[in-house]
Amino acid sequence: MKSFAEGIVNFLKEEDGPTAVEYAVMLALIVVVCLAAVGTIGTNSKAKFEEVGTAIGGGS
């Protein structure tokens, strides 16, 4: 059990662990922003296509 605790302490002291976590958090935030942007663009483009379709007489 002592070696397990020492392993945890060594992991927390290393710089690679926190750096990897920071990169993972940044990647997750980028993915969330991209998904939100794609959703917004999709909604806006659908509304515009429906508006154009109605304007040219195909809105049944």
PDB file of N, CA and C in Angstrom:
ATOM      1  N   MET A   1       0.825  -1.192   0.000  1.00  0.00           N
ATOM      2  CA  MET A   1       0.000   0.000   0.000  1.00  0.00           C
ATOM      3  C   MET A   1       0.869   1.256   0.000  1.00  0.00           C
ATOM      4  N   LYS A   2       2.033   1.144   0.657  1.00  0.00           N
ATOM      5  CA  LYS A   2       2.926   2.295   0.723  1.00  0.00           C
ATOM      6  C   LYS A   2       3.462   2.653  -0.659  1.00  0.00           C
ATOM      7  N   SER A   3       3.776   1.643  -1.475  1.00  0.00           N
ATOM      8  CA  SER A   3       4.284   1.921  -2.820  1.00  0.00           C
ATOM      9  C   SER A   3       3.205   2.570  -3.690  1.00  0.00           C
ATOM     10  N   PHE A   4       1.954   2.203  -3.459  1.00  0.00           N
ATOM     11  CA  PHE A   4       0.852   2.829  -4.202  1.00  0.00           C
ATOM     12  C   PHE A   4       0.754   4.311  -3.856  1.00  0.00           C
ATOM     13  N   ALA A   5       0.855   4.627  -2.569  1.00  0.00           N
ATOM     14  CA  ALA A   5       0.813   6.026  -2.139  1.00  0.00           C
ATOM     15  C   ALA A   5       2.005   6.795  -2.687  1.00  0.00           C
ATOM     16  N   GLU A   6       3.177   6.155  -2.686  1.00  0.00           N
ATOM     17  CA  GLU A   6       4.360   6.808  -3.245  1.00  0.00           C
ATOM     18  C   GLU A   6       4.190   7.055  -4.745  1.00  0.00           C
ATOM     19  N   GLY A   7       3.569   6.113  -5.418  1.00  0.00           N
ATOM     20  CA  GLY A   7       3.306   6.286  -6.856  1.00  0.00           C
ATOM     21  C   GLY A   7       2.385   7.461  -7.121  1.00  0.00           C
ATOM     22  N   ILE A   8       1.361   7.616  -6.291  1.00  0.00           N
ATOM     23  CA  ILE A   8       0.438   8.750  -6.437  1.00  0.00           C
ATOM     24  C   ILE A   8       1.167  10.065  -6.196  1.00  0.00           C
ATOM     25  N   VAL A   9       1.983  10.104  -5.159  1.00  0.00           N
ATOM     26  CA  VAL A   9       2.736  11.323  -4.839  1.00  0.00           C
ATOM     27  C   VAL A   9       3.691  11.661  -5.978  1.00  0.00           C
ATOM     28  N   ASN A  10       4.387  10.663  -6.506  1.00  0.00           N
ATOM     29  CA  ASN A  10       5.306  10.904  -7.622  1.00  0.00           C
ATOM     30  C   ASN A  10       4.559  11.395  -8.855  1.00  0.00           C
ATOM     31  N   PHE A  11       3.392  10.829  -9.116  1.00  0.00           N
ATOM     32  CA  PHE A  11       2.592  11.267 -10.268  1.00  0.00           C
ATOM     33  C   PHE A  11       2.177  12.724 -10.110  1.00  0.00           C
ATOM     34  N   LEU A  12       1.776  13.095  -8.901  1.00  0.00           N
ATOM     35  CA  LEU A  12       1.348  14.473  -8.674  1.00  0.00           C
ATOM     36  C   LEU A  12       2.522  15.449  -8.744  1.00  0.00           C
ATOM     37  N   LYS A  13       3.730  14.992  -8.446  1.00  0.00           N
ATOM     38  CA  LYS A  13       4.901  15.859  -8.517  1.00  0.00           C
ATOM     39  C   LYS A  13       5.386  16.060  -9.944  1.00  0.00           C
ATOM     40  N   GLU A  14       5.123  15.093 -10.833  1.00  0.00           N
ATOM     41  CA  GLU A  14       5.578  15.190 -12.215  1.00  0.00           C
ATOM     42  C   GLU A  14       4.828  16.295 -12.940  1.00  0.00           C
ATOM     43  N   GLU A  15       5.473  16.882 -13.914  1.00  0.00           N
ATOM     44  CA  GLU A  15       4.859  17.955 -14.700  1.00  0.00           C
ATOM     45  C   GLU A  15       4.015  17.407 -15.848  1.00  0.00           C
ATOM     46  N   ASP A  16       4.287  16.193 -16.286  1.00  0.00           N
ATOM     47  CA  ASP A  16       3.584  15.642 -17.442  1.00  0.00           C
ATOM     48  C   ASP A  16       2.113  15.381 -17.153  1.00  0.00           C
ATOM     49  N   GLY A  17       1.786  14.936 -15.949  1.00  0.00           N
ATOM     50  CA  GLY A  17       0.398  14.631 -15.606  1.00  0.00           C
ATOM     51  C   GLY A  17      -0.503  15.843 -15.684  1.00  0.00           C
ATOM     52  N   PRO A  18      -0.183  16.912 -14.970  1.00  0.00           N
ATOM     53  CA  PRO A  18      -1.024  18.108 -15.039  1.00  0.00           C
ATOM     54  C   PRO A  18      -1.076  18.715 -16.436  1.00  0.00           C
ATOM     55  N   THR A  19       0.030  18.649 -17.173  1.00  0.00           N
ATOM     56  CA  THR A  19       0.035  19.187 -18.533  1.00  0.00           C
ATOM     57  C   THR A  19      -0.936  18.414 -19.415  1.00  0.00           C
ATOM     58  N   ALA A  20      -0.940  17.100 -19.286  1.00  0.00           N
ATOM     59  CA  ALA A  20      -1.863  16.285 -20.077  1.00  0.00           C
ATOM     60  C   ALA A  20      -3.303  16.606 -19.707  1.00  0.00           C
ATOM     61  N   VAL A  21      -3.570  16.805 -18.432  1.00  0.00           N
ATOM     62  CA  VAL A  21      -4.926  17.144 -17.992  1.00  0.00           C
ATOM     63  C   VAL A  21      -5.338  18.508 -18.549  1.00  0.00           C
ATOM     64  N   GLU A  22      -4.423  19.460 -18.525  1.00  0.00           N
ATOM     65  CA  GLU A  22      -4.735  20.783 -19.065  1.00  0.00           C
ATOM     66  C   GLU A  22      -5.064  20.705 -20.553  1.00  0.00           C
ATOM     67  N   TYR A  23      -4.277  19.921 -21.297  1.00  0.00           N
ATOM     68  CA  TYR A  23      -4.557  19.762 -22.723  1.00  0.00           C
ATOM     69  C   TYR A  23      -5.906  19.081 -22.940  1.00  0.00           C
ATOM     70  N   ALA A  24      -6.245  18.115 -22.117  1.00  0.00           N
ATOM     71  CA  ALA A  24      -7.532  17.429 -22.254  1.00  0.00           C
ATOM     72  C   ALA A  24      -8.688  18.386 -21.983  1.00  0.00           C
ATOM     73  N   VAL A  25      -8.526  19.254 -20.973  1.00  0.00           N
ATOM     74  CA  VAL A  25      -9.576  20.232 -20.675  1.00  0.00           C
ATOM     75  C   VAL A  25      -9.724  21.228 -21.819  1.00  0.00           C
ATOM     76  N   MET A  26      -8.600  21.694 -22.359  1.00  0.00           N
ATOM     77  CA  MET A  26      -8.666  22.629 -23.495  1.00  0.00           C
ATOM     78  C   MET A  26      -9.328  21.975 -24.702  1.00  0.00           C
ATOM     79  N   LEU A  27      -8.982  20.717 -24.961  1.00  0.00           N
ATOM     80  CA  LEU A  27      -9.581  20.007 -26.087  1.00  0.00           C
ATOM     81  C   LEU A  27     -11.085  19.853 -25.890  1.00  0.00           C
ATOM     82  N   ALA A  28     -11.510  19.535 -24.674  1.00  0.00           N
ATOM     83  CA  ALA A  28     -12.934  19.395 -24.395  1.00  0.00           C
ATOM     84  C   ALA A  28     -13.666  20.722 -24.610  1.00  0.00           C
ATOM     85  N   LEU A  29     -13.071  21.822 -24.178  1.00  0.00           N
ATOM     86  CA  LEU A  29     -13.698  23.134 -24.380  1.00  0.00           C
ATOM     87  C   LEU A  29     -13.781  23.488 -25.859  1.00  0.00           C
ATOM     88  N   ILE A  30     -12.741  23.178 -26.615  1.00  0.00           N
ATOM     89  CA  ILE A  30     -12.759  23.442 -28.052  1.00  0.00           C
ATOM     90  C   ILE A  30     -13.854  22.631 -28.730  1.00  0.00           C
ATOM     91  N   VAL A  31     -13.998  21.371 -28.334  1.00  0.00           N
ATOM     92  CA  VAL A  31     -15.041  20.515 -28.914  1.00  0.00           C
ATOM     93  C   VAL A  31     -16.430  21.073 -28.601  1.00  0.00           C
ATOM     94  N   VAL A  32     -16.634  21.520 -27.368  1.00  0.00           N
ATOM     95  CA  VAL A  32     -17.938  22.077 -26.984  1.00  0.00           C
ATOM     96  C   VAL A  32     -18.249  23.333 -27.807  1.00  0.00           C
ATOM     97  N   VAL A  33     -17.264  24.195 -27.970  1.00  0.00           N
ATOM     98  CA  VAL A  33     -17.469  25.422 -28.754  1.00  0.00           C
ATOM     99  C   VAL A  33     -17.764  25.082 -30.209  1.00  0.00           C
ATOM    100  N   CYS A  34     -17.038  24.129 -30.767  1.00  0.00           N
ATOM    101  CA  CYS A  34     -17.275  23.725 -32.162  1.00  0.00           C
ATOM    102  C   CYS A  34     -18.672  23.141 -32.343  1.00  0.00           C
ATOM    103  N   LEU A  35     -19.100  22.304 -31.413  1.00  0.00           N
ATOM    104  CA  LEU A  35     -20.439  21.720 -31.516  1.00  0.00           C
ATOM    105  C   LEU A  35     -21.518  22.795 -31.413  1.00  0.00           C
ATOM    106  N   ALA A  36     -21.313  23.755 -30.533  1.00  0.00           N
ATOM    107  CA  ALA A  36     -22.284  24.840 -30.401  1.00  0.00           C
ATOM    108  C   ALA A  36     -22.324  25.678 -31.675  1.00  0.00           C
ATOM    109  N   ALA A  37     -21.162  25.948 -32.257  1.00  0.00           N
ATOM    110  CA  ALA A  37     -21.107  26.742 -33.487  1.00  0.00           C
ATOM    111  C   ALA A  37     -21.777  26.002 -34.639  1.00  0.00           C
ATOM    112  N   VAL A  38     -21.506  24.722 -34.770  1.00  0.00           N
ATOM    113  CA  VAL A  38     -22.120  23.940 -35.844  1.00  0.00           C
ATOM    114  C   VAL A  38     -23.629  23.875 -35.657  1.00  0.00           C
ATOM    115  N   GLY A  39     -24.081  23.721 -34.435  1.00  0.00           N
ATOM    116  CA  GLY A  39     -25.527  23.704 -34.175  1.00  0.00           C
ATOM    117  C   GLY A  39     -26.187  25.019 -34.538  1.00  0.00           C
ATOM    118  N   THR A  40     -25.542  26.116 -34.182  1.00  0.00           N
ATOM    119  CA  THR A  40     -26.091  27.435 -34.501  1.00  0.00           C
ATOM    120  C   THR A  40     -26.108  27.676 -36.003  1.00  0.00           C
ATOM    121  N   ILE A  41     -25.022  27.335 -36.669  1.00  0.00           N
ATOM    122  CA  ILE A  41     -24.959  27.505 -38.124  1.00  0.00           C
ATOM    123  C   ILE A  41     -26.017  26.640 -38.800  1.00  0.00           C
ATOM    124  N   GLY A  42     -26.187  25.416 -38.317  1.00  0.00           N
ATOM    125  CA  GLY A  42     -27.188  24.528 -38.899  1.00  0.00           C
ATOM    126  C   GLY A  42     -28.598  25.075 -38.739  1.00  0.00           C
ATOM    127  N   THR A  43     -28.900  25.599 -37.579  1.00  0.00           N
ATOM    128  CA  THR A  43     -30.232  26.172 -37.336  1.00  0.00           C
ATOM    129  C   THR A  43     -30.467  27.392 -38.212  1.00  0.00           C
ATOM    130  N   ASN A  44     -29.470  28.264 -38.291  1.00  0.00           N
ATOM    131  CA  ASN A  44     -29.609  29.474 -39.104  1.00  0.00           C
ATOM    132  C   ASN A  44     -29.731  29.143 -40.585  1.00  0.00           C
ATOM    133  N   SER A  45     -28.946  28.188 -41.063  1.00  0.00           N
ATOM    134  CA  SER A  45     -29.014  27.846 -42.483  1.00  0.00           C
ATOM    135  C   SER A  45     -30.340  27.163 -42.812  1.00  0.00           C
ATOM    136  N   LYS A  46     -30.860  26.354 -41.900  1.00  0.00           N
ATOM    137  CA  LYS A  46     -32.168  25.717 -42.145  1.00  0.00           C
ATOM    138  C   LYS A  46     -33.250  26.775 -42.274  1.00  0.00           C
ATOM    139  N   ALA A  47     -33.220  27.760 -41.391  1.00  0.00           N
ATOM    140  CA  ALA A  47     -34.214  28.832 -41.453  1.00  0.00           C
ATOM    141  C   ALA A  47     -34.090  29.609 -42.761  1.00  0.00           C
ATOM    142  N   LYS A  48     -32.868  29.870 -43.189  1.00  0.00           N
ATOM    143  CA  LYS A  48     -32.656  30.618 -44.433  1.00  0.00           C
ATOM    144  C   LYS A  48     -33.126  29.801 -45.633  1.00  0.00           C
ATOM    145  N   PHE A  49     -32.825  28.508 -45.671  1.00  0.00           N
ATOM    146  CA  PHE A  49     -33.280  27.670 -46.782  1.00  0.00           C
ATOM    147  C   PHE A  49     -34.805  27.606 -46.831  1.00  0.00           C
ATOM    148  N   GLU A  50     -35.451  27.524 -45.669  1.00  0.00           N
ATOM    149  CA  GLU A  50     -36.909  27.515 -45.656  1.00  0.00           C
ATOM    150  C   GLU A  50     -37.471  28.851 -46.146  1.00  0.00           C
ATOM    151  N   GLU A  51     -36.814  29.948 -45.772  1.00  0.00           N
ATOM    152  CA  GLU A  51     -37.250  31.276 -46.234  1.00  0.00           C
ATOM    153  C   GLU A  51     -37.115  31.387 -47.741  1.00  0.00           C
ATOM    154  N   VAL A  52     -36.003  30.933 -48.277  1.00  0.00           N
ATOM    155  CA  VAL A  52     -35.798  30.992 -49.728  1.00  0.00           C
ATOM    156  C   VAL A  52     -36.773  30.073 -50.432  1.00  0.00           C
ATOM    157  N   GLY A  53     -36.995  28.889 -49.874  1.00  0.00           N
ATOM    158  CA  GLY A  53     -37.941  27.950 -50.497  1.00  0.00           C
ATOM    159  C   GLY A  53     -39.349  28.524 -50.536  1.00  0.00           C
ATOM    160  N   THR A  54     -39.754  29.201 -49.492  1.00  0.00           N
ATOM    161  CA  THR A  54     -41.062  29.827 -49.460  1.00  0.00           C
ATOM    162  C   THR A  54     -41.132  30.980 -50.457  1.00  0.00           C
ATOM    163  N   ALA A  55     -40.052  31.731 -50.572  1.00  0.00           N
ATOM    164  CA  ALA A  55     -40.026  32.888 -51.486  1.00  0.00           C
ATOM    165  C   ALA A  55     -40.123  32.448 -52.944  1.00  0.00           C
ATOM    166  N   ILE A  56     -39.587  31.312 -53.309  1.00  0.00           N
ATOM    167  CA  ILE A  56     -39.645  30.872 -54.710  1.00  0.00           C
ATOM    168  C   ILE A  56     -40.864  30.001 -54.980  1.00  0.00           C
ATOM    169  N   GLY A  57     -41.712  29.832 -53.997  1.00  0.00           N
ATOM    170  CA  GLY A  57     -42.990  29.151 -54.212  1.00  0.00           C
ATOM    171  C   GLY A  57     -42.987  27.670 -53.929  1.00  0.00           C
ATOM    172  N   GLY A  58     -41.992  27.164 -53.257  1.00  0.00           N
ATOM    173  CA  GLY A  58     -41.956  25.734 -52.964  1.00  0.00           C
ATOM    174  C   GLY A  58     -42.269  25.427 -51.520  1.00  0.00           C
ATOM    175  N   GLY A  59     -42.942  26.286 -50.827  1.00  0.00           N
ATOM    176  CA  GLY A  59     -43.159  26.109 -49.399  1.00  0.00           C
ATOM    177  C   GLY A  59     -44.467  25.444 -49.051  1.00  0.00           C
ATOM    178  N   SER A  60     -44.715  24.261 -49.559  1.00  0.00           N
ATOM    179  CA  SER A  60     -45.960  23.587 -49.209  1.00  0.00           C
ATOM    180  C   SER A  60     -45.792  22.620 -48.095  1.00  0.00           C
TER     181      SER A  60
END
